[in-house]
Amino acid sequence: MASADRLNRILGMIPYLLQNQGVGLMDLSEEFQVRPAELLRDLQALSNCSYGPFGSAEVMDAYIENDRVHIWAGEHFKRPLSFTPGELMALRTAVSLMLEHTDAKETRALARAYRTISGDQEGKADRATAFKGKIGVDASPALSAEIFSTFERGVLENRKVQIRYFTEQRGSISERVISPYKIVNSDGQWYVVGFCERAGGIRTFRVDHVRAADLGGEHFEVPDEFRLEDHFTHGVYVETETEEKILVRYLSPVALLVIEEEGRGRTGRDGSVTLSYQTSSPRWLLQRVLSYGEAAEIIEPLHVRQALVEQLTGMAEVYKE
């Protein structure tokens, strides 16, 4: 068995054993679909593990007594998991999709995970409400679970969604009917990419900017030629009210950093990379380019290059003696 598969199995065994202390060796073998002899080697590997700062409290230990398996894993693994609402919805969506495309061996574990992260949501909301006004946090914009679920159904059932959408650039709310093709999480934000009937083309919408969403009865088909990467840049906020293509060249050595950050592109012989953006907010893109200093250059269109020149000229005036 590959080392990665074995590591994944061992990592999965730790929380399982903590919740099922004294589980029978054969039951554990059946749960993880592995021969008892190999299972014993896994348990022996666990007994040799520790994690920083490598004090006695951080050493893990696993032992078998009367064919019953027990584990000690320090205090870290006993702490309850804590997720933000956005993280919880991301996990729920990911697990539900995995349940549709996984083999039988993983189904039980995934189903158990789905029940765990989907349960008692109303109770959690009540407890959160009780703390309102008593805890101060620098929170990200609120994400409506009802709106998110509406988009989930729209994507899964190929049904159009009528929305009230706040456009930050204009500071106004508009009524739209969209065909949601994809739901995407990027850089901590949720987006819906799909066809907007008002704009007459594919657009990207931030879910936390949607003020209301109603699932319609009309269905749609996703075009065969649709490719997410043609309309959405991971790690970069692009709100496309009207599309405009902007080319930016990043010079070495920041080119590799940008490629890693955005998950796309390839350096040329000179070590640079040129990326295209489709955005209705050149001002946002100017700020991004300026953050890289002389290592980034807007190639086209000309009016955006000129806008950058004007911004730099204004900055120079501020620092003029």
C-alpha atoms as a PDB file:
ATOM      1  CA  MET A   1       0.000   0.000   0.000  1.00  0.00           C
ATOM      2  CA  ALA A   2       1.252   3.489  -0.810  1.00  0.00           C
ATOM      3  CA  SER A   3       2.656   5.550   2.064  1.00  0.00           C
ATOM      4  CA  ALA A   4       0.072   8.300   1.460  1.00  0.00           C
ATOM      5  CA  ASP A   5      -2.802   5.799   1.771  1.00  0.00           C
ATOM      6  CA  ARG A   6      -1.374   4.426   4.993  1.00  0.00           C
ATOM      7  CA  LEU A   7      -0.875   7.907   6.441  1.00  0.00           C
ATOM      8  CA  ASN A   8      -4.474   8.857   5.614  1.00  0.00           C
ATOM      9  CA  ARG A   9      -5.711   5.684   7.292  1.00  0.00           C
ATOM     10  CA  ILE A  10      -3.656   6.304  10.446  1.00  0.00           C
ATOM     11  CA  LEU A  11      -4.839   9.918  10.661  1.00  0.00           C
ATOM     12  CA  GLY A  12      -8.408   8.683  10.326  1.00  0.00           C
ATOM     13  CA  MET A  13      -7.888   6.110  13.076  1.00  0.00           C
ATOM     14  CA  ILE A  14      -6.823   8.646  15.723  1.00  0.00           C
ATOM     15  CA  PRO A  15     -10.217  10.419  16.145  1.00  0.00           C
ATOM     16  CA  TYR A  16     -12.064   7.116  15.629  1.00  0.00           C
ATOM     17  CA  LEU A  17     -10.158   5.414  18.454  1.00  0.00           C
ATOM     18  CA  LEU A  18     -10.564   8.418  20.744  1.00  0.00           C
ATOM     19  CA  GLN A  19     -14.335   8.147  20.296  1.00  0.00           C
ATOM     20  CA  ASN A  20     -14.373   4.343  20.508  1.00  0.00           C
ATOM     21  CA  GLN A  21     -11.908   3.462  23.263  1.00  0.00           C
ATOM     22  CA  GLY A  22     -11.706  -0.296  23.728  1.00  0.00           C
ATOM     23  CA  VAL A  23     -12.998  -1.174  20.263  1.00  0.00           C
ATOM     24  CA  GLY A  24     -12.340  -4.774  19.275  1.00  0.00           C
ATOM     25  CA  LEU A  25      -9.310  -5.408  17.078  1.00  0.00           C
ATOM     26  CA  MET A  26     -11.391  -7.276  14.478  1.00  0.00           C
ATOM     27  CA  ASP A  27     -14.051  -4.542  14.504  1.00  0.00           C
ATOM     28  CA  LEU A  28     -11.345  -1.938  13.879  1.00  0.00           C
ATOM     29  CA  SER A  29      -9.945  -4.086  11.077  1.00  0.00           C
ATOM     30  CA  GLU A  30     -13.381  -4.235   9.440  1.00  0.00           C
ATOM     31  CA  GLU A  31     -14.022  -0.500   9.924  1.00  0.00           C
ATOM     32  CA  PHE A  32     -10.845   0.483   8.073  1.00  0.00           C
ATOM     33  CA  GLN A  33     -10.821  -2.456   5.650  1.00  0.00           C
ATOM     34  CA  VAL A  34      -7.287  -3.553   6.539  1.00  0.00           C
ATOM     35  CA  ARG A  35      -5.830  -6.904   7.632  1.00  0.00           C
ATOM     36  CA  PRO A  36      -5.172  -7.305  11.403  1.00  0.00           C
ATOM     37  CA  ALA A  37      -1.426  -7.787  10.817  1.00  0.00           C
ATOM     38  CA  GLU A  38      -1.214  -4.486   8.942  1.00  0.00           C
ATOM     39  CA  LEU A  39      -3.394  -2.831  11.559  1.00  0.00           C
ATOM     40  CA  LEU A  40      -0.922  -3.859  14.259  1.00  0.00           C
ATOM     41  CA  ARG A  41       1.878  -2.164  12.323  1.00  0.00           C
ATOM     42  CA  ASP A  42      -0.244   1.006  12.126  1.00  0.00           C
ATOM     43  CA  LEU A  43      -0.803   0.960  15.889  1.00  0.00           C
ATOM     44  CA  GLN A  44       2.905   0.444  16.478  1.00  0.00           C
ATOM     45  CA  ALA A  45       3.651   3.468  14.283  1.00  0.00           C
ATOM     46  CA  LEU A  46       1.207   5.526  16.360  1.00  0.00           C
ATOM     47  CA  SER A  47       3.030   4.536  19.540  1.00  0.00           C
ATOM     48  CA  ASN A  48       6.228   6.089  18.183  1.00  0.00           C
ATOM     49  CA  CYS A  49       4.642   9.434  17.300  1.00  0.00           C
ATOM     50  CA  SER A  50       4.837  12.748  19.100  1.00  0.00           C
ATOM     51  CA  TYR A  51       4.255  16.342  18.125  1.00  0.00           C
ATOM     52  CA  GLY A  52       5.844  19.627  19.207  1.00  0.00           C
ATOM     53  CA  PRO A  53       7.026  20.897  21.572  1.00  0.00           C
ATOM     54  CA  PHE A  54       7.728  17.212  22.250  1.00  0.00           C
ATOM     55  CA  GLY A  55       6.977  17.149  25.946  1.00  0.00           C
ATOM     56  CA  SER A  56       5.600  14.070  27.661  1.00  0.00           C
ATOM     57  CA  ALA A  57       2.028  15.328  27.225  1.00  0.00           C
ATOM     58  CA  GLU A  58       2.411  15.311  23.442  1.00  0.00           C
ATOM     59  CA  VAL A  59       3.499  11.691  23.015  1.00  0.00           C
ATOM     60  CA  MET A  60       0.856   9.385  21.530  1.00  0.00           C
ATOM     61  CA  ASP A  61       0.458   5.794  22.648  1.00  0.00           C
ATOM     62  CA  ALA A  62      -1.692   2.917  21.430  1.00  0.00           C
ATOM     63  CA  TYR A  63      -1.997  -0.479  23.118  1.00  0.00           C
ATOM     64  CA  ILE A  64      -4.082  -3.646  22.925  1.00  0.00           C
ATOM     65  CA  GLU A  65      -5.563  -5.311  26.002  1.00  0.00           C
ATOM     66  CA  ASN A  66      -7.679  -8.455  25.685  1.00  0.00           C
ATOM     67  CA  ASP A  67      -8.065  -7.825  21.940  1.00  0.00           C
ATOM     68  CA  ARG A  68      -9.348  -4.327  22.702  1.00  0.00           C
ATOM     69  CA  VAL A  69      -7.607  -1.264  21.285  1.00  0.00           C
ATOM     70  CA  HIS A  70      -6.936   1.827  23.378  1.00  0.00           C
ATOM     71  CA  ILE A  71      -5.182   5.079  22.503  1.00  0.00           C
ATOM     72  CA  TRP A  72      -3.719   8.071  24.312  1.00  0.00           C
ATOM     73  CA  ALA A  73      -3.245  11.155  22.136  1.00  0.00           C
ATOM     74  CA  GLY A  74      -2.673  14.011  24.578  1.00  0.00           C
ATOM     75  CA  GLU A  75      -4.991  16.954  25.060  1.00  0.00           C
ATOM     76  CA  HIS A  76      -4.846  18.449  21.560  1.00  0.00           C
ATOM     77  CA  PHE A  77      -7.063  15.795  19.961  1.00  0.00           C
ATOM     78  CA  LYS A  78      -9.651  16.122  22.723  1.00  0.00           C
ATOM     79  CA  ARG A  79     -10.471  19.705  21.913  1.00  0.00           C
ATOM     80  CA  PRO A  80     -13.821  20.080  20.071  1.00  0.00           C
ATOM     81  CA  LEU A  81     -13.674  21.255  16.484  1.00  0.00           C
ATOM     82  CA  SER A  82     -14.802  24.815  15.881  1.00  0.00           C
ATOM     83  CA  PHE A  83     -15.861  26.202  12.509  1.00  0.00           C
ATOM     84  CA  THR A  84     -17.158  29.489  11.193  1.00  0.00           C
ATOM     85  CA  PRO A  85     -20.545  29.311   9.377  1.00  0.00           C
ATOM     86  CA  GLY A  86     -18.731  29.615   6.041  1.00  0.00           C
ATOM     87  CA  GLU A  87     -16.315  26.801   6.907  1.00  0.00           C
ATOM     88  CA  LEU A  88     -19.188  24.603   8.062  1.00  0.00           C
ATOM     89  CA  MET A  89     -21.085  25.136   4.805  1.00  0.00           C
ATOM     90  CA  ALA A  90     -17.914  24.437   2.810  1.00  0.00           C
ATOM     91  CA  LEU A  91     -17.421  21.143   4.650  1.00  0.00           C
ATOM     92  CA  ARG A  92     -21.058  20.154   4.243  1.00  0.00           C
ATOM     93  CA  THR A  93     -20.959  20.848   0.504  1.00  0.00           C
ATOM     94  CA  ALA A  94     -17.652  19.024   0.018  1.00  0.00           C
ATOM     95  CA  VAL A  95     -18.764  15.944   1.966  1.00  0.00           C
ATOM     96  CA  SER A  96     -22.119  15.767   0.151  1.00  0.00           C
ATOM     97  CA  LEU A  97     -20.334  15.873  -3.215  1.00  0.00           C
ATOM     98  CA  MET A  98     -17.817  13.243  -2.080  1.00  0.00           C
ATOM     99  CA  LEU A  99     -20.672  10.951  -1.063  1.00  0.00           C
ATOM    100  CA  GLU A 100     -21.831  10.986  -4.687  1.00  0.00           C
ATOM    101  CA  HIS A 101     -18.418  10.082  -6.098  1.00  0.00           C
ATOM    102  CA  THR A 102     -16.727   7.751  -3.625  1.00  0.00           C
ATOM    103  CA  ASP A 103     -16.364   4.012  -3.238  1.00  0.00           C
ATOM    104  CA  ALA A 104     -18.176   1.942  -0.623  1.00  0.00           C
ATOM    105  CA  LYS A 105     -15.119   1.771   1.647  1.00  0.00           C
ATOM    106  CA  GLU A 106     -15.305   5.476   2.451  1.00  0.00           C
ATOM    107  CA  THR A 107     -19.088   5.867   2.446  1.00  0.00           C
ATOM    108  CA  ARG A 108     -19.702   5.069   6.112  1.00  0.00           C
ATOM    109  CA  ALA A 109     -17.070   7.487   7.372  1.00  0.00           C
ATOM    110  CA  LEU A 110     -18.300  10.250   5.063  1.00  0.00           C
ATOM    111  CA  ALA A 111     -21.924   9.689   6.024  1.00  0.00           C
ATOM    112  CA  ARG A 112     -20.966   9.903   9.705  1.00  0.00           C
ATOM    113  CA  ALA A 113     -19.067  13.132   9.045  1.00  0.00           C
ATOM    114  CA  TYR A 114     -22.036  14.611   7.168  1.00  0.00           C
ATOM    115  CA  ARG A 115     -24.387  13.837  10.061  1.00  0.00           C
ATOM    116  CA  THR A 116     -21.951  15.454  12.493  1.00  0.00           C
ATOM    117  CA  ILE A 117     -21.556  18.729  10.598  1.00  0.00           C
ATOM    118  CA  SER A 118     -25.239  18.948   9.622  1.00  0.00           C
ATOM    119  CA  GLY A 119     -26.752  18.216  13.037  1.00  0.00           C
ATOM    120  CA  ASP A 120     -28.111  20.619  15.642  1.00  0.00           C
ATOM    121  CA  GLN A 121     -27.750  23.686  13.419  1.00  0.00           C
ATOM    122  CA  GLU A 122     -30.770  25.327  15.018  1.00  0.00           C
ATOM    123  CA  GLY A 123     -29.326  24.813  18.501  1.00  0.00           C
ATOM    124  CA  LYS A 124     -26.006  26.301  17.433  1.00  0.00           C
ATOM    125  CA  ALA A 125     -27.792  29.323  15.979  1.00  0.00           C
ATOM    126  CA  ASP A 126     -29.713  29.854  19.239  1.00  0.00           C
ATOM    127  CA  ARG A 127     -26.516  29.762  21.274  1.00  0.00           C
ATOM    128  CA  ALA A 128     -24.849  32.187  18.863  1.00  0.00           C
ATOM    129  CA  THR A 129     -27.787  34.581  19.166  1.00  0.00           C
ATOM    130  CA  ALA A 130     -27.499  34.505  22.956  1.00  0.00           C
ATOM    131  CA  PHE A 131     -23.964  35.890  22.672  1.00  0.00           C
ATOM    132  CA  LYS A 132     -24.969  38.720  20.354  1.00  0.00           C
ATOM    133  CA  GLY A 133     -23.615  42.011  21.647  1.00  0.00           C
ATOM    134  CA  LYS A 134     -21.418  40.258  24.236  1.00  0.00           C
ATOM    135  CA  ILE A 135     -18.482  39.257  22.055  1.00  0.00           C
ATOM    136  CA  GLY A 136     -16.487  41.551  19.805  1.00  0.00           C
ATOM    137  CA  VAL A 137     -14.965  40.083  16.643  1.00  0.00           C
ATOM    138  CA  ASP A 138     -13.640  41.355  13.360  1.00  0.00           C
ATOM    139  CA  ALA A 139     -15.921  39.103  11.328  1.00  0.00           C
ATOM    140  CA  SER A 140     -16.191  38.530   7.612  1.00  0.00           C
ATOM    141  CA  PRO A 141     -19.497  39.538   5.948  1.00  0.00           C
ATOM    142  CA  ALA A 142     -22.464  37.479   7.086  1.00  0.00           C
ATOM    143  CA  LEU A 143     -23.344  34.572   4.830  1.00  0.00           C
ATOM    144  CA  SER A 144     -26.991  33.538   4.742  1.00  0.00           C
ATOM    145  CA  ALA A 145     -27.387  29.775   5.039  1.00  0.00           C
ATOM    146  CA  GLU A 146     -30.805  30.025   3.347  1.00  0.00           C
ATOM    147  CA  ILE A 147     -29.394  31.908   0.345  1.00  0.00           C
ATOM    148  CA  PHE A 148     -26.435  29.535   0.101  1.00  0.00           C
ATOM    149  CA  SER A 149     -28.751  26.507   0.192  1.00  0.00           C
ATOM    150  CA  THR A 150     -30.860  28.064  -2.569  1.00  0.00           C
ATOM    151  CA  PHE A 151     -27.790  28.320  -4.791  1.00  0.00           C
ATOM    152  CA  GLU A 152     -26.829  24.737  -3.880  1.00  0.00           C
ATOM    153  CA  ARG A 153     -30.193  23.487  -5.129  1.00  0.00           C
ATOM    154  CA  GLY A 154     -29.994  25.681  -8.207  1.00  0.00           C
ATOM    155  CA  VAL A 155     -26.620  24.201  -9.173  1.00  0.00           C
ATOM    156  CA  LEU A 156     -27.539  20.588  -8.351  1.00  0.00           C
ATOM    157  CA  GLU A 157     -31.000  20.708  -9.982  1.00  0.00           C
ATOM    158  CA  ASN A 158     -30.104  23.054 -12.885  1.00  0.00           C
ATOM    159  CA  ARG A 159     -32.799  25.535 -11.850  1.00  0.00           C
ATOM    160  CA  LYS A 160     -32.764  29.276 -12.361  1.00  0.00           C
ATOM    161  CA  VAL A 161     -32.565  31.571  -9.337  1.00  0.00           C
ATOM    162  CA  GLN A 162     -34.041  35.057  -9.008  1.00  0.00           C
ATOM    163  CA  ILE A 163     -31.844  37.304  -6.867  1.00  0.00           C
ATOM    164  CA  ARG A 164     -31.611  40.805  -5.443  1.00  0.00           C
ATOM    165  CA  TYR A 165     -27.939  41.699  -5.822  1.00  0.00           C
ATOM    166  CA  PHE A 166     -25.903  44.503  -4.278  1.00  0.00           C
ATOM    167  CA  THR A 167     -23.229  45.849  -6.651  1.00  0.00           C
ATOM    168  CA  GLU A 168     -20.496  47.354  -4.519  1.00  0.00           C
ATOM    169  CA  GLN A 169     -19.014  49.446  -7.309  1.00  0.00           C
ATOM    170  CA  ARG A 170     -22.280  51.352  -7.886  1.00  0.00           C
ATOM    171  CA  GLY A 171     -23.731  51.004  -4.394  1.00  0.00           C
ATOM    172  CA  SER A 172     -27.087  49.838  -5.781  1.00  0.00           C
ATOM    173  CA  ILE A 173     -29.339  46.769  -5.680  1.00  0.00           C
ATOM    174  CA  SER A 174     -30.677  45.145  -8.845  1.00  0.00           C
ATOM    175  CA  GLU A 175     -33.129  42.347  -9.650  1.00  0.00           C
ATOM    176  CA  ARG A 176     -31.670  39.518 -11.729  1.00  0.00           C
ATOM    177  CA  VAL A 177     -32.444  36.013 -12.946  1.00  0.00           C
ATOM    178  CA  ILE A 178     -29.364  33.811 -13.161  1.00  0.00           C
ATOM    179  CA  SER A 179     -28.572  30.244 -14.153  1.00  0.00           C
ATOM    180  CA  PRO A 180     -26.017  29.160 -11.532  1.00  0.00           C
ATOM    181  CA  TYR A 181     -23.372  26.960 -13.176  1.00  0.00           C
ATOM    182  CA  LYS A 182     -20.839  26.723 -10.365  1.00  0.00           C
ATOM    183  CA  ILE A 183     -20.386  27.619  -6.689  1.00  0.00           C
ATOM    184  CA  VAL A 184     -16.767  28.522  -5.913  1.00  0.00           C
ATOM    185  CA  ASN A 185     -14.896  29.277  -2.699  1.00  0.00           C
ATOM    186  CA  SER A 186     -11.858  31.487  -3.199  1.00  0.00           C
ATOM    187  CA  ASP A 187      -9.737  33.341  -0.667  1.00  0.00           C
ATOM    188  CA  GLY A 188     -12.369  32.972   2.047  1.00  0.00           C
ATOM    189  CA  GLN A 189     -15.303  34.151  -0.086  1.00  0.00           C
ATOM    190  CA  TRP A 190     -18.124  32.266  -1.810  1.00  0.00           C
ATOM    191  CA  TYR A 191     -19.032  33.072  -5.420  1.00  0.00           C
ATOM    192  CA  VAL A 192     -21.643  31.906  -7.923  1.00  0.00           C
ATOM    193  CA  VAL A 193     -20.668  31.809 -11.588  1.00  0.00           C
ATOM    194  CA  GLY A 194     -23.472  31.563 -14.114  1.00  0.00           C
ATOM    195  CA  PHE A 195     -25.496  33.136 -16.894  1.00  0.00           C
ATOM    196  CA  CYS A 196     -27.155  36.450 -15.992  1.00  0.00           C
ATOM    197  CA  GLU A 197     -30.220  37.238 -18.120  1.00  0.00           C
ATOM    198  CA  ARG A 198     -30.002  40.961 -17.382  1.00  0.00           C
ATOM    199  CA  ALA A 199     -26.354  41.193 -18.511  1.00  0.00           C
ATOM    200  CA  GLY A 200     -26.837  38.677 -21.331  1.00  0.00           C
ATOM    201  CA  GLY A 201     -23.682  36.752 -20.450  1.00  0.00           C
ATOM    202  CA  ILE A 202     -21.796  34.779 -17.834  1.00  0.00           C
ATOM    203  CA  ARG A 203     -21.116  36.755 -14.672  1.00  0.00           C
ATOM    204  CA  THR A 204     -19.586  36.209 -11.238  1.00  0.00           C
ATOM    205  CA  PHE A 205     -21.557  37.075  -8.077  1.00  0.00           C
ATOM    206  CA  ARG A 206     -20.379  37.233  -4.474  1.00  0.00           C
ATOM    207  CA  VAL A 207     -22.816  35.258  -2.337  1.00  0.00           C
ATOM    208  CA  ASP A 208     -22.578  37.670   0.599  1.00  0.00           C
ATOM    209  CA  HIS A 209     -23.719  40.473  -1.741  1.00  0.00           C
ATOM    210  CA  VAL A 210     -26.964  38.625  -2.521  1.00  0.00           C
ATOM    211  CA  ARG A 211     -29.773  40.135  -0.467  1.00  0.00           C
ATOM    212  CA  ALA A 212     -32.450  37.596  -1.461  1.00  0.00           C
ATOM    213  CA  ALA A 213     -32.585  34.438  -3.577  1.00  0.00           C
ATOM    214  CA  ASP A 214     -35.657  32.510  -4.759  1.00  0.00           C
ATOM    215  CA  LEU A 215     -35.462  29.180  -6.549  1.00  0.00           C
ATOM    216  CA  GLY A 216     -37.453  29.229  -9.762  1.00  0.00           C
ATOM    217  CA  GLY A 217     -39.194  26.423 -11.585  1.00  0.00           C
ATOM    218  CA  GLU A 218     -37.449  27.009 -14.923  1.00  0.00           C
ATOM    219  CA  HIS A 219     -34.528  24.731 -15.738  1.00  0.00           C
ATOM    220  CA  PHE A 220     -31.358  25.402 -17.725  1.00  0.00           C
ATOM    221  CA  GLU A 221     -28.525  23.487 -19.366  1.00  0.00           C
ATOM    222  CA  VAL A 222     -24.865  24.283 -18.760  1.00  0.00           C
ATOM    223  CA  PRO A 223     -23.229  24.892 -22.170  1.00  0.00           C
ATOM    224  CA  ASP A 224     -20.711  22.225 -23.214  1.00  0.00           C
ATOM    225  CA  GLU A 225     -18.142  24.937 -23.922  1.00  0.00           C
ATOM    226  CA  PHE A 226     -18.386  26.462 -20.420  1.00  0.00           C
ATOM    227  CA  ARG A 227     -15.064  26.450 -18.573  1.00  0.00           C
ATOM    228  CA  LEU A 228     -14.841  27.942 -15.098  1.00  0.00           C
ATOM    229  CA  GLU A 229     -11.279  29.204 -15.594  1.00  0.00           C
ATOM    230  CA  ASP A 230     -12.459  31.397 -18.478  1.00  0.00           C
ATOM    231  CA  HIS A 231     -14.697  33.392 -16.163  1.00  0.00           C
ATOM    232  CA  PHE A 232     -13.249  33.122 -12.662  1.00  0.00           C
ATOM    233  CA  THR A 233      -9.779  33.748 -11.249  1.00  0.00           C
ATOM    234  CA  HIS A 234      -9.126  31.802  -8.047  1.00  0.00           C
ATOM    235  CA  GLY A 235      -7.710  33.847  -5.211  1.00  0.00           C
ATOM    236  CA  VAL A 236      -8.759  37.111  -6.887  1.00  0.00           C
ATOM    237  CA  TYR A 237     -12.036  38.995  -6.446  1.00  0.00           C
ATOM    238  CA  VAL A 238     -13.506  39.750  -9.846  1.00  0.00           C
ATOM    239  CA  GLU A 239     -17.037  41.154 -10.061  1.00  0.00           C
ATOM    240  CA  THR A 240     -18.069  41.289 -13.697  1.00  0.00           C
ATOM    241  CA  GLU A 241     -20.915  43.711 -14.373  1.00  0.00           C
ATOM    242  CA  THR A 242     -19.442  44.430 -17.807  1.00  0.00           C
ATOM    243  CA  GLU A 243     -16.466  42.417 -18.916  1.00  0.00           C
ATOM    244  CA  GLU A 244     -13.169  43.992 -19.878  1.00  0.00           C
ATOM    245  CA  LYS A 245     -10.003  42.028 -20.496  1.00  0.00           C
ATOM    246  CA  ILE A 246      -6.856  43.408 -18.869  1.00  0.00           C
ATOM    247  CA  LEU A 247      -3.402  41.894 -19.377  1.00  0.00           C
ATOM    248  CA  VAL A 248      -0.792  42.149 -16.628  1.00  0.00           C
ATOM    249  CA  ARG A 249       2.835  41.007 -16.858  1.00  0.00           C
ATOM    250  CA  TYR A 250       4.578  39.976 -13.647  1.00  0.00           C
ATOM    251  CA  LEU A 251       8.369  39.933 -13.735  1.00  0.00           C
ATOM    252  CA  SER A 252      10.744  37.525 -12.029  1.00  0.00           C
ATOM    253  CA  PRO A 253      10.925  36.795  -9.113  1.00  0.00           C
ATOM    254  CA  VAL A 254       7.328  37.736  -8.169  1.00  0.00           C
ATOM    255  CA  ALA A 255       6.011  35.743 -11.152  1.00  0.00           C
ATOM    256  CA  LEU A 256       6.344  32.438  -9.284  1.00  0.00           C
ATOM    257  CA  LEU A 257       4.605  33.925  -6.246  1.00  0.00           C
ATOM    258  CA  VAL A 258       1.681  35.119  -8.396  1.00  0.00           C
ATOM    259  CA  ILE A 259       1.405  31.735 -10.141  1.00  0.00           C
ATOM    260  CA  GLU A 260       1.252  29.979  -6.783  1.00  0.00           C
ATOM    261  CA  GLU A 261      -1.246  32.485  -5.400  1.00  0.00           C
ATOM    262  CA  GLU A 262      -3.633  32.373  -8.369  1.00  0.00           C
ATOM    263  CA  GLY A 263      -3.086  28.737  -9.341  1.00  0.00           C
ATOM    264  CA  ARG A 264      -2.560  29.456 -13.034  1.00  0.00           C
ATOM    265  CA  GLY A 265       0.015  30.635 -15.573  1.00  0.00           C
ATOM    266  CA  ARG A 266       3.500  29.567 -16.625  1.00  0.00           C
ATOM    267  CA  THR A 267       6.726  31.527 -16.713  1.00  0.00           C
ATOM    268  CA  GLY A 268       8.410  32.322 -20.025  1.00  0.00           C
ATOM    269  CA  ARG A 269      12.095  32.182 -20.852  1.00  0.00           C
ATOM    270  CA  ASP A 270      12.701  35.510 -19.105  1.00  0.00           C
ATOM    271  CA  GLY A 271      10.995  34.277 -15.927  1.00  0.00           C
ATOM    272  CA  SER A 272       7.923  36.507 -16.330  1.00  0.00           C
ATOM    273  CA  VAL A 273       4.274  35.501 -16.587  1.00  0.00           C
ATOM    274  CA  THR A 274       1.410  37.343 -18.305  1.00  0.00           C
ATOM    275  CA  LEU A 275      -2.110  36.851 -16.953  1.00  0.00           C
ATOM    276  CA  SER A 276      -5.457  38.127 -18.165  1.00  0.00           C
ATOM    277  CA  TYR A 277      -8.271  39.411 -15.954  1.00  0.00           C
ATOM    278  CA  GLN A 278     -11.913  40.038 -16.791  1.00  0.00           C
ATOM    279  CA  THR A 279     -13.124  42.692 -14.397  1.00  0.00           C
ATOM    280  CA  SER A 280     -15.501  45.613 -14.059  1.00  0.00           C
ATOM    281  CA  SER A 281     -13.265  47.191 -11.424  1.00  0.00           C
ATOM    282  CA  PRO A 282      -9.961  48.387 -12.949  1.00  0.00           C
ATOM    283  CA  ARG A 283      -9.426  50.419  -9.781  1.00  0.00           C
ATOM    284  CA  TRP A 284      -9.185  47.187  -7.806  1.00  0.00           C
ATOM    285  CA  LEU A 285      -6.727  45.769 -10.336  1.00  0.00           C
ATOM    286  CA  LEU A 286      -4.605  48.944 -10.212  1.00  0.00           C
ATOM    287  CA  GLN A 287      -4.215  48.458  -6.472  1.00  0.00           C
ATOM    288  CA  ARG A 288      -3.127  44.880  -7.015  1.00  0.00           C
ATOM    289  CA  VAL A 289      -0.553  45.881  -9.647  1.00  0.00           C
ATOM    290  CA  LEU A 290       0.798  48.684  -7.439  1.00  0.00           C
ATOM    291  CA  SER A 291       1.337  46.217  -4.593  1.00  0.00           C
ATOM    292  CA  TYR A 292       4.033  44.528  -6.723  1.00  0.00           C
ATOM    293  CA  GLY A 293       5.819  47.802  -7.526  1.00  0.00           C
ATOM    294  CA  GLU A 294       8.052  47.758 -10.586  1.00  0.00           C
ATOM    295  CA  ALA A 295       7.690  43.957 -10.858  1.00  0.00           C
ATOM    296  CA  ALA A 296       4.189  44.259 -12.398  1.00  0.00           C
ATOM    297  CA  GLU A 297       3.106  46.024 -15.586  1.00  0.00           C
ATOM    298  CA  ILE A 298      -0.303  46.513 -17.205  1.00  0.00           C
ATOM    299  CA  ILE A 299       0.081  45.591 -20.878  1.00  0.00           C
ATOM    300  CA  GLU A 300      -3.377  46.499 -22.172  1.00  0.00           C
ATOM    301  CA  PRO A 301      -5.809  48.167 -22.631  1.00  0.00           C
ATOM    302  CA  LEU A 302      -4.204  51.561 -23.070  1.00  0.00           C
ATOM    303  CA  HIS A 303      -6.744  53.503 -20.973  1.00  0.00           C
ATOM    304  CA  VAL A 304      -6.012  51.298 -17.931  1.00  0.00           C
ATOM    305  CA  ARG A 305      -2.265  51.847 -18.399  1.00  0.00           C
ATOM    306  CA  GLN A 306      -2.980  55.567 -18.523  1.00  0.00           C
ATOM    307  CA  ALA A 307      -5.063  55.343 -15.359  1.00  0.00           C
ATOM    308  CA  LEU A 308      -2.082  53.803 -13.589  1.00  0.00           C
ATOM    309  CA  VAL A 309       0.190  56.595 -14.857  1.00  0.00           C
ATOM    310  CA  GLU A 310      -2.254  59.189 -13.503  1.00  0.00           C
ATOM    311  CA  GLN A 311      -2.392  57.437 -10.141  1.00  0.00           C
ATOM    312  CA  LEU A 312       1.411  57.287  -9.897  1.00  0.00           C
ATOM    313  CA  THR A 313       1.643  60.953 -10.887  1.00  0.00           C
ATOM    314  CA  GLY A 314      -0.790  61.863  -8.135  1.00  0.00           C
ATOM    315  CA  MET A 315       1.224  59.847  -5.632  1.00  0.00           C
ATOM    316  CA  ALA A 316       4.416  61.618  -6.707  1.00  0.00           C
ATOM    317  CA  GLU A 317       2.738  64.979  -6.092  1.00  0.00           C
ATOM    318  CA  VAL A 318       1.953  63.974  -2.527  1.00  0.00           C
ATOM    319  CA  TYR A 319       5.639  63.347  -1.796  1.00  0.00           C
ATOM    320  CA  LYS A 320       7.010  66.336  -3.707  1.00  0.00           C
ATOM    321  CA  GLU A 321       9.057  68.668  -1.502  1.00  0.00           C
END
